[in-house]
C-alpha cells in the first residue's frame, strides 16, 4: 500500500506547487515517482521512456540532477533499496530547502516506504509536517522517532527540539532541550535548539538575545555548511535592523568558517556593505574576483542604522568564541 505523506498526500497525487517550480518539473517528478512505484507493472517500460524524456527536457540544474538520480536508481536492475532511498532523500532535501514542503513531504513518505522503521527518515518527515502546520502528524512522527532511536538518544533529542517548537511556550521548551543536549554532550542538538531559539527571539524583536544564540549555535555546529547558514541568517537579521557594520563583522567571520559557496556569498555581501557605508578600501578588497554584474545584497545607499551599531558587541562575542 502506498504511504501517505506527513501532509496527507499520496506519492501519486502531488499537490500543485505554490513556489517557482514549473509545471514541467512537476510533471517530470510525477512520472519519476510513478516509475518507482510500478516495478511489476507491464506499463512500466512505457512510463520509464516518458519519464526519461521528461527529465532530459528539463534545463540543467538541481531539479534535473535529482530527478535523474532517482530515475536511474529506479531503473537500475542491481540498485538496492538503500540506493533508491538515498536518491529520494537527496531530492526531498532539495525540495525542502526551496520551501516546496508538500513535494518534500511526499518524497520523504516514498523513501519511508522502503524503510518505515528508520528514525532519521521519520525525523525528516516530522520536520516537514511541522513546517506545514500539521501539528498532529508532526507529534505522531516525533514520538515515533523517540521510540525508534538507538540507545545514544541523538535523534530522540532532535525530535524533542521539534516537539518543543509545537508547544505553547516554545522558548522555555527549547531551553530545556538545550540543557538536556549540553548535559548529554550533544553539540549538534544543542546548536539546533539554540538556532531555533534565535529565530524565535529574532521574530519577537529581541535582537541582542537572538544574536547571542546565533553565535552560540555557530560555535557548536561542527560542519562548515551549518556555520555558514547561521552566519548568513544572523547577517540577514542585522541588515534588516539597518546595522551594516555589525553585519560586516559577522560576514567577515563567516568567510573564515563557512562552506566555500557560502563564503563566496559572504564576500559578495561584504562588497555590497562596503559600497553602502562608503568603505573604499573594502570595495577594493572585496571587488577582486567579482564580476561587474554582482548584485548587492546589502541595505542600499543611505539606509545605515541611525542609532549605535552592534558591531562592537559582535566583535567581542567573536573574540570570546574564538578563544574557546
C-alpha atoms as a PDB file:
ATOM      1  CA  UNK A   1       0.000   0.000   0.000  1.00  0.00           C
ATOM      2  CA  UNK A   2       1.378   3.413  -0.903  1.00  0.00           C
ATOM      3  CA  UNK A   3       2.219   5.503   2.172  1.00  0.00           C
ATOM      4  CA  UNK A   4       0.722   8.867   2.934  1.00  0.00           C
ATOM      5  CA  UNK A   5       2.987  11.839   3.344  1.00  0.00           C
ATOM      6  CA  UNK A   6       3.065  13.887   6.531  1.00  0.00           C
ATOM      7  CA  UNK A   7       0.724  16.336   4.869  1.00  0.00           C
ATOM      8  CA  UNK A   8      -1.760  13.667   3.822  1.00  0.00           C
ATOM      9  CA  UNK A   9      -0.743  13.456   0.149  1.00  0.00           C
ATOM     10  CA  UNK A  10      -0.039  10.193  -1.650  1.00  0.00           C
ATOM     11  CA  UNK A  11       3.007   9.825  -3.866  1.00  0.00           C
ATOM     12  CA  UNK A  12       0.795   9.886  -6.981  1.00  0.00           C
ATOM     13  CA  UNK A  13      -1.314  12.920  -6.123  1.00  0.00           C
ATOM     14  CA  UNK A  14       1.255  15.616  -5.652  1.00  0.00           C
ATOM     15  CA  UNK A  15      -0.312  18.988  -4.844  1.00  0.00           C
ATOM     16  CA  UNK A  16       0.210  21.896  -7.156  1.00  0.00           C
ATOM     17  CA  UNK A  17       3.436  23.711  -6.324  1.00  0.00           C
ATOM     18  CA  UNK A  18       2.959  27.183  -4.923  1.00  0.00           C
ATOM     19  CA  UNK A  19       6.565  28.198  -5.475  1.00  0.00           C
ATOM     20  CA  UNK A  20       8.598  28.780  -8.588  1.00  0.00           C
ATOM     21  CA  UNK A  21       8.842  25.160  -9.746  1.00  0.00           C
ATOM     22  CA  UNK A  22       7.477  24.968 -13.255  1.00  0.00           C
ATOM     23  CA  UNK A  23       4.659  22.691 -14.388  1.00  0.00           C
ATOM     24  CA  UNK A  24       7.247  20.855 -16.496  1.00  0.00           C
ATOM     25  CA  UNK A  25       9.306  19.941 -13.436  1.00  0.00           C
ATOM     26  CA  UNK A  26       6.164  18.933 -11.539  1.00  0.00           C
ATOM     27  CA  UNK A  27       5.086  16.645 -14.388  1.00  0.00           C
ATOM     28  CA  UNK A  28       8.536  15.063 -14.609  1.00  0.00           C
ATOM     29  CA  UNK A  29       8.527  14.457 -10.867  1.00  0.00           C
ATOM     30  CA  UNK A  30       5.152  12.735 -11.004  1.00  0.00           C
ATOM     31  CA  UNK A  31       6.339  10.479 -13.808  1.00  0.00           C
ATOM     32  CA  UNK A  32       9.515   9.529 -11.959  1.00  0.00           C
ATOM     33  CA  UNK A  33       7.545   8.546  -8.859  1.00  0.00           C
ATOM     34  CA  UNK A  34       5.125   6.507 -10.961  1.00  0.00           C
ATOM     35  CA  UNK A  35       8.060   4.589 -12.448  1.00  0.00           C
ATOM     36  CA  UNK A  36       9.402   3.958  -8.959  1.00  0.00           C
ATOM     37  CA  UNK A  37       6.057   2.614  -7.754  1.00  0.00           C
ATOM     38  CA  UNK A  38       5.236   0.359 -10.737  1.00  0.00           C
ATOM     39  CA  UNK A  39       8.100  -2.089 -10.535  1.00  0.00           C
ATOM     40  CA  UNK A  40       5.966  -5.088 -11.533  1.00  0.00           C
ATOM     41  CA  UNK A  41       3.571  -3.247 -13.862  1.00  0.00           C
ATOM     42  CA  UNK A  42       3.552  -4.180 -17.572  1.00  0.00           C
ATOM     43  CA  UNK A  43       3.171  -0.472 -18.411  1.00  0.00           C
ATOM     44  CA  UNK A  44       6.406   0.400 -16.615  1.00  0.00           C
ATOM     45  CA  UNK A  45       8.681   0.441 -19.721  1.00  0.00           C
ATOM     46  CA  UNK A  46       6.358   2.936 -21.406  1.00  0.00           C
ATOM     47  CA  UNK A  47       6.260   5.099 -18.279  1.00  0.00           C
ATOM     48  CA  UNK A  48      10.049   4.878 -17.994  1.00  0.00           C
ATOM     49  CA  UNK A  49      10.529   6.188 -21.543  1.00  0.00           C
ATOM     50  CA  UNK A  50       8.123   9.059 -20.839  1.00  0.00           C
ATOM     51  CA  UNK A  51       9.951   9.894 -17.612  1.00  0.00           C
ATOM     52  CA  UNK A  52      13.379   9.786 -19.260  1.00  0.00           C
ATOM     53  CA  UNK A  53      12.161  12.124 -21.990  1.00  0.00           C
ATOM     54  CA  UNK A  54      10.611  14.494 -19.449  1.00  0.00           C
ATOM     55  CA  UNK A  55      13.806  14.625 -17.368  1.00  0.00           C
ATOM     56  CA  UNK A  56      16.022  15.194 -20.428  1.00  0.00           C
ATOM     57  CA  UNK A  57      13.836  18.158 -21.404  1.00  0.00           C
ATOM     58  CA  UNK A  58      14.465  19.917 -18.106  1.00  0.00           C
ATOM     59  CA  UNK A  59      17.039  22.706 -18.044  1.00  0.00           C
ATOM     60  CA  UNK A  60      20.383  21.984 -16.406  1.00  0.00           C
ATOM     61  CA  UNK A  61      20.129  22.425 -12.668  1.00  0.00           C
ATOM     62  CA  UNK A  62      19.447  20.639  -9.393  1.00  0.00           C
ATOM     63  CA  UNK A  63      15.910  19.552 -10.339  1.00  0.00           C
ATOM     64  CA  UNK A  64      17.130  17.702 -13.407  1.00  0.00           C
ATOM     65  CA  UNK A  65      20.048  16.227 -11.479  1.00  0.00           C
ATOM     66  CA  UNK A  66      17.941  14.937  -8.569  1.00  0.00           C
ATOM     67  CA  UNK A  67      15.182  13.550 -10.774  1.00  0.00           C
ATOM     68  CA  UNK A  68      17.797  11.858 -12.948  1.00  0.00           C
ATOM     69  CA  UNK A  69      19.382  10.197  -9.921  1.00  0.00           C
ATOM     70  CA  UNK A  70      16.020   8.883  -8.679  1.00  0.00           C
ATOM     71  CA  UNK A  71      15.050   7.608 -12.134  1.00  0.00           C
ATOM     72  CA  UNK A  72      18.379   5.847 -12.651  1.00  0.00           C
ATOM     73  CA  UNK A  73      18.058   4.217  -9.224  1.00  0.00           C
ATOM     74  CA  UNK A  74      14.536   3.073 -10.101  1.00  0.00           C
ATOM     75  CA  UNK A  75      15.596   1.572 -13.442  1.00  0.00           C
ATOM     76  CA  UNK A  76      18.931   0.012 -12.474  1.00  0.00           C
ATOM     77  CA  UNK A  77      18.348  -3.698 -12.044  1.00  0.00           C
ATOM     78  CA  UNK A  78      21.043  -4.190  -9.403  1.00  0.00           C
ATOM     79  CA  UNK A  79      20.192  -0.985  -7.478  1.00  0.00           C
ATOM     80  CA  UNK A  80      19.309  -1.904  -3.908  1.00  0.00           C
ATOM     81  CA  UNK A  81      16.693  -0.273  -1.725  1.00  0.00           C
ATOM     82  CA  UNK A  82      19.272   1.853   0.067  1.00  0.00           C
ATOM     83  CA  UNK A  83      20.462   3.355  -3.233  1.00  0.00           C
ATOM     84  CA  UNK A  84      16.913   4.327  -4.142  1.00  0.00           C
ATOM     85  CA  UNK A  85      16.280   5.699  -0.673  1.00  0.00           C
ATOM     86  CA  UNK A  86      19.393   7.871  -0.769  1.00  0.00           C
ATOM     87  CA  UNK A  87      18.356   9.329  -4.115  1.00  0.00           C
ATOM     88  CA  UNK A  88      14.867  10.088  -2.788  1.00  0.00           C
ATOM     89  CA  UNK A  89      16.180  11.673   0.412  1.00  0.00           C
ATOM     90  CA  UNK A  90      18.570  13.898  -1.531  1.00  0.00           C
ATOM     91  CA  UNK A  91      15.699  15.044  -3.763  1.00  0.00           C
ATOM     92  CA  UNK A  92      13.394  15.623  -0.791  1.00  0.00           C
ATOM     93  CA  UNK A  93      16.087  17.634   0.996  1.00  0.00           C
ATOM     94  CA  UNK A  94      16.478  19.856  -2.047  1.00  0.00           C
ATOM     95  CA  UNK A  95      12.716  20.387  -2.248  1.00  0.00           C
ATOM     96  CA  UNK A  96      12.578  21.238   1.457  1.00  0.00           C
ATOM     97  CA  UNK A  97      15.436  23.718   1.123  1.00  0.00           C
ATOM     98  CA  UNK A  98      13.440  25.503  -1.603  1.00  0.00           C
ATOM     99  CA  UNK A  99      10.328  25.651   0.566  1.00  0.00           C
ATOM    100  CA  UNK A 100       8.394  23.139  -1.557  1.00  0.00           C
ATOM    101  CA  UNK A 101       7.119  21.364   1.535  1.00  0.00           C
ATOM    102  CA  UNK A 102       4.182  19.440   0.041  1.00  0.00           C
ATOM    103  CA  UNK A 103       6.537  17.923  -2.506  1.00  0.00           C
ATOM    104  CA  UNK A 104       9.192  17.242   0.125  1.00  0.00           C
ATOM    105  CA  UNK A 105       6.697  15.513   2.416  1.00  0.00           C
ATOM    106  CA  UNK A 106       5.519  13.292  -0.409  1.00  0.00           C
ATOM    107  CA  UNK A 107       9.034  12.283  -1.420  1.00  0.00           C
ATOM    108  CA  UNK A 108      10.093  11.604   2.186  1.00  0.00           C
ATOM    109  CA  UNK A 109       6.984   9.416   2.520  1.00  0.00           C
ATOM    110  CA  UNK A 110       8.061   7.433  -0.548  1.00  0.00           C
ATOM    111  CA  UNK A 111      11.514   6.934   0.970  1.00  0.00           C
ATOM    112  CA  UNK A 112       9.914   5.781   4.222  1.00  0.00           C
ATOM    113  CA  UNK A 113       8.006   3.124   2.284  1.00  0.00           C
ATOM    114  CA  UNK A 114      11.388   1.403   1.807  1.00  0.00           C
ATOM    115  CA  UNK A 115      12.444   1.941   5.439  1.00  0.00           C
ATOM    116  CA  UNK A 116       9.342   2.507   7.602  1.00  0.00           C
ATOM    117  CA  UNK A 117      11.291   1.994  10.837  1.00  0.00           C
ATOM    118  CA  UNK A 118      14.188   4.314  10.021  1.00  0.00           C
ATOM    119  CA  UNK A 119      14.259   7.007  12.745  1.00  0.00           C
ATOM    120  CA  UNK A 120      16.188   9.522  10.648  1.00  0.00           C
ATOM    121  CA  UNK A 121      13.727   9.347   7.758  1.00  0.00           C
ATOM    122  CA  UNK A 122      10.883   9.652  10.244  1.00  0.00           C
ATOM    123  CA  UNK A 123      12.548  12.739  11.736  1.00  0.00           C
ATOM    124  CA  UNK A 124      12.701  14.332   8.262  1.00  0.00           C
ATOM    125  CA  UNK A 125       9.003  13.609   7.736  1.00  0.00           C
ATOM    126  CA  UNK A 126       8.146  15.035  11.165  1.00  0.00           C
ATOM    127  CA  UNK A 127      10.035  18.242  10.461  1.00  0.00           C
ATOM    128  CA  UNK A 128       8.223  18.797   7.182  1.00  0.00           C
ATOM    129  CA  UNK A 129       4.853  18.079   8.809  1.00  0.00           C
ATOM    130  CA  UNK A 130       5.657  20.689  11.464  1.00  0.00           C
ATOM    131  CA  UNK A 131       6.614  23.254   8.849  1.00  0.00           C
ATOM    132  CA  UNK A 132       3.367  22.549   7.011  1.00  0.00           C
ATOM    133  CA  UNK A 133       1.409  23.189  10.191  1.00  0.00           C
ATOM    134  CA  UNK A 134       0.172  19.610  10.509  1.00  0.00           C
ATOM    135  CA  UNK A 135       0.667  19.522  14.279  1.00  0.00           C
ATOM    136  CA  UNK A 136      -0.903  16.130  14.974  1.00  0.00           C
ATOM    137  CA  UNK A 137       1.058  14.383  12.228  1.00  0.00           C
ATOM    138  CA  UNK A 138       4.268  16.045  13.409  1.00  0.00           C
ATOM    139  CA  UNK A 139       3.721  14.985  17.018  1.00  0.00           C
ATOM    140  CA  UNK A 140       2.935  11.431  15.989  1.00  0.00           C
ATOM    141  CA  UNK A 141       6.080  11.227  13.871  1.00  0.00           C
ATOM    142  CA  UNK A 142       8.308  12.836  16.516  1.00  0.00           C
ATOM    143  CA  UNK A 143       7.079  10.312  19.098  1.00  0.00           C
ATOM    144  CA  UNK A 144       7.819   7.522  16.651  1.00  0.00           C
ATOM    145  CA  UNK A 145      11.399   8.818  16.300  1.00  0.00           C
ATOM    146  CA  UNK A 146      11.777   8.618  20.080  1.00  0.00           C
ATOM    147  CA  UNK A 147      10.584   5.002  20.053  1.00  0.00           C
ATOM    148  CA  UNK A 148      12.807   4.002  17.129  1.00  0.00           C
ATOM    149  CA  UNK A 149      16.037   5.740  18.149  1.00  0.00           C
ATOM    150  CA  UNK A 150      19.093   3.827  19.292  1.00  0.00           C
ATOM    151  CA  UNK A 151      20.405   3.988  22.887  1.00  0.00           C
ATOM    152  CA  UNK A 152      22.523   7.076  22.157  1.00  0.00           C
ATOM    153  CA  UNK A 153      19.340   9.139  22.046  1.00  0.00           C
ATOM    154  CA  UNK A 154      20.765  11.510  19.417  1.00  0.00           C
ATOM    155  CA  UNK A 155      17.716  11.520  17.149  1.00  0.00           C
ATOM    156  CA  UNK A 156      15.346  11.463  20.106  1.00  0.00           C
ATOM    157  CA  UNK A 157      16.914  14.730  21.280  1.00  0.00           C
ATOM    158  CA  UNK A 158      16.343  16.206  17.825  1.00  0.00           C
ATOM    159  CA  UNK A 159      12.738  15.029  17.981  1.00  0.00           C
ATOM    160  CA  UNK A 160      12.425  16.715  21.364  1.00  0.00           C
ATOM    161  CA  UNK A 161      13.500  20.007  19.810  1.00  0.00           C
ATOM    162  CA  UNK A 162      10.854  19.615  17.124  1.00  0.00           C
ATOM    163  CA  UNK A 163       8.222  18.921  19.754  1.00  0.00           C
ATOM    164  CA  UNK A 164       9.380  21.949  21.746  1.00  0.00           C
ATOM    165  CA  UNK A 165       8.516  24.135  18.763  1.00  0.00           C
ATOM    166  CA  UNK A 166       4.956  22.771  18.862  1.00  0.00           C
ATOM    167  CA  UNK A 167       4.329  23.753  22.496  1.00  0.00           C
ATOM    168  CA  UNK A 168       2.525  26.884  23.700  1.00  0.00           C
ATOM    169  CA  UNK A 169       5.807  28.066  25.292  1.00  0.00           C
ATOM    170  CA  UNK A 170       8.416  27.064  22.723  1.00  0.00           C
ATOM    171  CA  UNK A 171      11.228  29.207  24.112  1.00  0.00           C
ATOM    172  CA  UNK A 172      11.006  27.625  27.560  1.00  0.00           C
ATOM    173  CA  UNK A 173      10.774  24.178  25.997  1.00  0.00           C
ATOM    174  CA  UNK A 174      13.786  24.889  23.793  1.00  0.00           C
ATOM    175  CA  UNK A 175      15.766  26.000  26.823  1.00  0.00           C
ATOM    176  CA  UNK A 176      15.077  22.610  28.418  1.00  0.00           C
ATOM    177  CA  UNK A 177      16.090  20.839  25.203  1.00  0.00           C
ATOM    178  CA  UNK A 178      19.279  22.899  25.086  1.00  0.00           C
ATOM    179  CA  UNK A 179      20.198  22.000  28.678  1.00  0.00           C
ATOM    180  CA  UNK A 180      19.476  18.334  28.009  1.00  0.00           C
ATOM    181  CA  UNK A 181      21.707  18.342  24.923  1.00  0.00           C
ATOM    182  CA  UNK A 182      24.538  20.079  26.778  1.00  0.00           C
ATOM    183  CA  UNK A 183      24.346  17.536  29.622  1.00  0.00           C
ATOM    184  CA  UNK A 184      24.490  14.709  27.064  1.00  0.00           C
ATOM    185  CA  UNK A 185      27.490  16.284  25.318  1.00  0.00           C
ATOM    186  CA  UNK A 186      25.470  16.525  22.100  1.00  0.00           C
ATOM    187  CA  UNK A 187      26.818  19.689  20.488  1.00  0.00           C
ATOM    188  CA  UNK A 188      24.731  19.310  17.324  1.00  0.00           C
ATOM    189  CA  UNK A 189      21.417  19.060  19.180  1.00  0.00           C
ATOM    190  CA  UNK A 190      22.426  21.998  21.372  1.00  0.00           C
ATOM    191  CA  UNK A 191      23.216  24.029  18.251  1.00  0.00           C
ATOM    192  CA  UNK A 192      19.879  23.149  16.637  1.00  0.00           C
ATOM    193  CA  UNK A 193      17.989  24.184  19.787  1.00  0.00           C
ATOM    194  CA  UNK A 194      19.944  27.433  20.043  1.00  0.00           C
ATOM    195  CA  UNK A 195      19.418  28.294  16.377  1.00  0.00           C
ATOM    196  CA  UNK A 196      15.675  27.630  16.747  1.00  0.00           C
ATOM    197  CA  UNK A 197      15.522  29.879  19.806  1.00  0.00           C
ATOM    198  CA  UNK A 198      17.451  32.563  17.927  1.00  0.00           C
ATOM    199  CA  UNK A 199      14.762  32.608  15.241  1.00  0.00           C
ATOM    200  CA  UNK A 200      12.021  32.980  17.871  1.00  0.00           C
ATOM    201  CA  UNK A 201      13.878  35.834  19.560  1.00  0.00           C
ATOM    202  CA  UNK A 202      14.510  37.495  16.205  1.00  0.00           C
ATOM    203  CA  UNK A 203      10.828  37.338  15.328  1.00  0.00           C
ATOM    204  CA  UNK A 204       9.977  38.854  18.727  1.00  0.00           C
ATOM    205  CA  UNK A 205      12.350  41.766  18.087  1.00  0.00           C
ATOM    206  CA  UNK A 206      14.851  40.644  20.756  1.00  0.00           C
ATOM    207  CA  UNK A 207      17.855  41.098  18.523  1.00  0.00           C
ATOM    208  CA  UNK A 208      20.609  41.012  21.147  1.00  0.00           C
ATOM    209  CA  UNK A 209      19.361  37.685  22.527  1.00  0.00           C
ATOM    210  CA  UNK A 210      18.925  36.326  19.030  1.00  0.00           C
ATOM    211  CA  UNK A 211      22.446  37.390  18.138  1.00  0.00           C
ATOM    212  CA  UNK A 212      23.874  35.592  21.179  1.00  0.00           C
ATOM    213  CA  UNK A 213      22.008  32.432  20.235  1.00  0.00           C
ATOM    214  CA  UNK A 214      23.107  32.591  16.606  1.00  0.00           C
ATOM    215  CA  UNK A 215      26.737  32.983  17.641  1.00  0.00           C
ATOM    216  CA  UNK A 216      26.479  30.165  20.176  1.00  0.00           C
ATOM    217  CA  UNK A 217      24.924  27.865  17.586  1.00  0.00           C
ATOM    218  CA  UNK A 218      27.657  28.683  15.071  1.00  0.00           C
ATOM    219  CA  UNK A 219      30.337  27.660  17.565  1.00  0.00           C
ATOM    220  CA  UNK A 220      28.592  24.404  18.471  1.00  0.00           C
ATOM    221  CA  UNK A 221      27.968  23.278  14.899  1.00  0.00           C
ATOM    222  CA  UNK A 222      30.711  21.041  13.580  1.00  0.00           C
ATOM    223  CA  UNK A 223      30.072  21.482   9.863  1.00  0.00           C
ATOM    224  CA  UNK A 224      31.014  24.464   7.751  1.00  0.00           C
ATOM    225  CA  UNK A 225      27.666  24.466   5.919  1.00  0.00           C
ATOM    226  CA  UNK A 226      25.793  24.842   9.215  1.00  0.00           C
ATOM    227  CA  UNK A 227      28.092  27.618  10.401  1.00  0.00           C
ATOM    228  CA  UNK A 228      27.719  29.429   7.105  1.00  0.00           C
ATOM    229  CA  UNK A 229      23.925  29.183   7.188  1.00  0.00           C
ATOM    230  CA  UNK A 230      23.793  30.597  10.724  1.00  0.00           C
ATOM    231  CA  UNK A 231      26.214  33.379   9.819  1.00  0.00           C
ATOM    232  CA  UNK A 232      24.042  34.473   6.908  1.00  0.00           C
ATOM    233  CA  UNK A 233      20.843  34.214   8.990  1.00  0.00           C
ATOM    234  CA  UNK A 234      22.348  36.489  11.630  1.00  0.00           C
ATOM    235  CA  UNK A 235      23.607  38.894   8.961  1.00  0.00           C
ATOM    236  CA  UNK A 236      20.097  38.992   7.433  1.00  0.00           C
ATOM    237  CA  UNK A 237      18.738  39.994  10.834  1.00  0.00           C
ATOM    238  CA  UNK A 238      21.312  42.749  11.304  1.00  0.00           C
ATOM    239  CA  UNK A 239      20.828  44.125   7.813  1.00  0.00           C
ATOM    240  CA  UNK A 240      17.062  44.173   8.358  1.00  0.00           C
ATOM    241  CA  UNK A 241      17.797  46.188  11.519  1.00  0.00           C
ATOM    242  CA  UNK A 242      19.837  48.604   9.361  1.00  0.00           C
ATOM    243  CA  UNK A 243      23.093  47.757  11.089  1.00  0.00           C
ATOM    244  CA  UNK A 244      25.523  47.061   8.229  1.00  0.00           C
ATOM    245  CA  UNK A 245      28.611  47.494  10.421  1.00  0.00           C
ATOM    246  CA  UNK A 246      27.577  44.651  12.734  1.00  0.00           C
ATOM    247  CA  UNK A 247      26.598  42.546   9.716  1.00  0.00           C
ATOM    248  CA  UNK A 248      30.052  43.201   8.278  1.00  0.00           C
ATOM    249  CA  UNK A 249      31.723  41.789  11.406  1.00  0.00           C
ATOM    250  CA  UNK A 250      29.604  38.642  11.173  1.00  0.00           C
ATOM    251  CA  UNK A 251      30.226  38.169   7.482  1.00  0.00           C
ATOM    252  CA  UNK A 252      33.971  38.579   7.950  1.00  0.00           C
ATOM    253  CA  UNK A 253      33.831  35.660  10.371  1.00  0.00           C
ATOM    254  CA  UNK A 254      31.570  33.728   8.003  1.00  0.00           C
ATOM    255  CA  UNK A 255      34.172  33.964   5.240  1.00  0.00           C
ATOM    256  CA  UNK A 256      36.568  32.105   7.538  1.00  0.00           C
ATOM    257  CA  UNK A 257      34.296  29.298   8.781  1.00  0.00           C
ATOM    258  CA  UNK A 258      31.677  28.665   6.073  1.00  0.00           C
ATOM    259  CA  UNK A 259      31.414  26.261   3.155  1.00  0.00           C
ATOM    260  CA  UNK A 260      33.190  27.727   0.090  1.00  0.00           C
ATOM    261  CA  UNK A 261      29.938  28.662  -1.710  1.00  0.00           C
ATOM    262  CA  UNK A 262      28.646  30.382   1.432  1.00  0.00           C
ATOM    263  CA  UNK A 263      31.959  32.125   1.916  1.00  0.00           C
ATOM    264  CA  UNK A 264      31.749  33.438  -1.650  1.00  0.00           C
ATOM    265  CA  UNK A 265      28.258  34.771  -0.952  1.00  0.00           C
ATOM    266  CA  UNK A 266      29.589  36.427   2.210  1.00  0.00           C
ATOM    267  CA  UNK A 267      32.273  38.169   0.127  1.00  0.00           C
ATOM    268  CA  UNK A 268      29.593  39.410  -2.247  1.00  0.00           C
ATOM    269  CA  UNK A 269      27.599  40.801   0.668  1.00  0.00           C
ATOM    270  CA  UNK A 270      30.718  42.420   2.121  1.00  0.00           C
ATOM    271  CA  UNK A 271      31.230  44.215  -1.190  1.00  0.00           C
ATOM    272  CA  UNK A 272      27.657  45.497  -1.045  1.00  0.00           C
ATOM    273  CA  UNK A 273      28.110  46.693   2.539  1.00  0.00           C
ATOM    274  CA  UNK A 274      31.376  48.427   1.636  1.00  0.00           C
ATOM    275  CA  UNK A 275      29.502  50.340  -1.065  1.00  0.00           C
ATOM    276  CA  UNK A 276      26.719  51.195   1.385  1.00  0.00           C
ATOM    277  CA  UNK A 277      28.979  52.639   4.069  1.00  0.00           C
ATOM    278  CA  UNK A 278      31.434  54.274   1.663  1.00  0.00           C
ATOM    279  CA  UNK A 279      34.334  51.982   2.557  1.00  0.00           C
ATOM    280  CA  UNK A 280      36.709  52.465  -0.394  1.00  0.00           C
ATOM    281  CA  UNK A 281      39.296  50.039   0.965  1.00  0.00           C
ATOM    282  CA  UNK A 282      36.620  47.384   1.498  1.00  0.00           C
ATOM    283  CA  UNK A 283      35.289  47.914  -2.009  1.00  0.00           C
ATOM    284  CA  UNK A 284      38.740  47.335  -3.494  1.00  0.00           C
ATOM    285  CA  UNK A 285      39.304  44.290  -1.293  1.00  0.00           C
ATOM    286  CA  UNK A 286      36.014  42.543  -1.959  1.00  0.00           C
ATOM    287  CA  UNK A 287      35.645  43.574  -5.603  1.00  0.00           C
ATOM    288  CA  UNK A 288      38.616  41.400  -6.561  1.00  0.00           C
ATOM    289  CA  UNK A 289      37.402  38.357  -8.409  1.00  0.00           C
ATOM    290  CA  UNK A 290      33.778  39.544  -8.698  1.00  0.00           C
ATOM    291  CA  UNK A 291      32.120  40.397 -11.977  1.00  0.00           C
ATOM    292  CA  UNK A 292      30.592  43.865 -12.536  1.00  0.00           C
ATOM    293  CA  UNK A 293      27.139  42.239 -12.669  1.00  0.00           C
ATOM    294  CA  UNK A 294      27.317  41.237  -8.995  1.00  0.00           C
ATOM    295  CA  UNK A 295      24.044  42.062  -7.242  1.00  0.00           C
ATOM    296  CA  UNK A 296      24.424  43.849  -3.917  1.00  0.00           C
ATOM    297  CA  UNK A 297      22.718  42.092  -1.034  1.00  0.00           C
ATOM    298  CA  UNK A 298      23.190  44.945   1.447  1.00  0.00           C
ATOM    299  CA  UNK A 299      20.799  47.657   2.552  1.00  0.00           C
ATOM    300  CA  UNK A 300      21.203  50.100  -0.276  1.00  0.00           C
ATOM    301  CA  UNK A 301      22.641  53.632  -0.077  1.00  0.00           C
ATOM    302  CA  UNK A 302      21.537  55.920   2.691  1.00  0.00           C
ATOM    303  CA  UNK A 303      19.940  53.252   4.863  1.00  0.00           C
ATOM    304  CA  UNK A 304      22.529  52.843   7.621  1.00  0.00           C
ATOM    305  CA  UNK A 305      21.428  52.357  11.212  1.00  0.00           C
ATOM    306  CA  UNK A 306      20.546  55.658  12.877  1.00  0.00           C
ATOM    307  CA  UNK A 307      21.485  54.547  16.428  1.00  0.00           C
ATOM    308  CA  UNK A 308      24.627  52.862  17.768  1.00  0.00           C
ATOM    309  CA  UNK A 309      25.817  49.762  15.949  1.00  0.00           C
ATOM    310  CA  UNK A 310      26.106  46.277  17.451  1.00  0.00           C
ATOM    311  CA  UNK A 311      29.444  45.883  15.662  1.00  0.00           C
ATOM    312  CA  UNK A 312      31.499  46.141  18.858  1.00  0.00           C
ATOM    313  CA  UNK A 313      29.226  43.604  20.574  1.00  0.00           C
ATOM    314  CA  UNK A 314      29.697  41.189  17.664  1.00  0.00           C
ATOM    315  CA  UNK A 315      33.479  41.671  17.711  1.00  0.00           C
ATOM    316  CA  UNK A 316      33.705  40.987  21.447  1.00  0.00           C
ATOM    317  CA  UNK A 317      31.479  37.920  21.173  1.00  0.00           C
ATOM    318  CA  UNK A 318      33.502  36.540  18.280  1.00  0.00           C
ATOM    319  CA  UNK A 319      36.764  37.102  20.167  1.00  0.00           C
ATOM    320  CA  UNK A 320      35.409  35.214  23.181  1.00  0.00           C
ATOM    321  CA  UNK A 321      34.142  32.385  20.979  1.00  0.00           C
ATOM    322  CA  UNK A 322      37.449  32.082  19.123  1.00  0.00           C
ATOM    323  CA  UNK A 323      39.280  31.754  22.450  1.00  0.00           C
ATOM    324  CA  UNK A 324      37.194  28.713  23.488  1.00  0.00           C
END
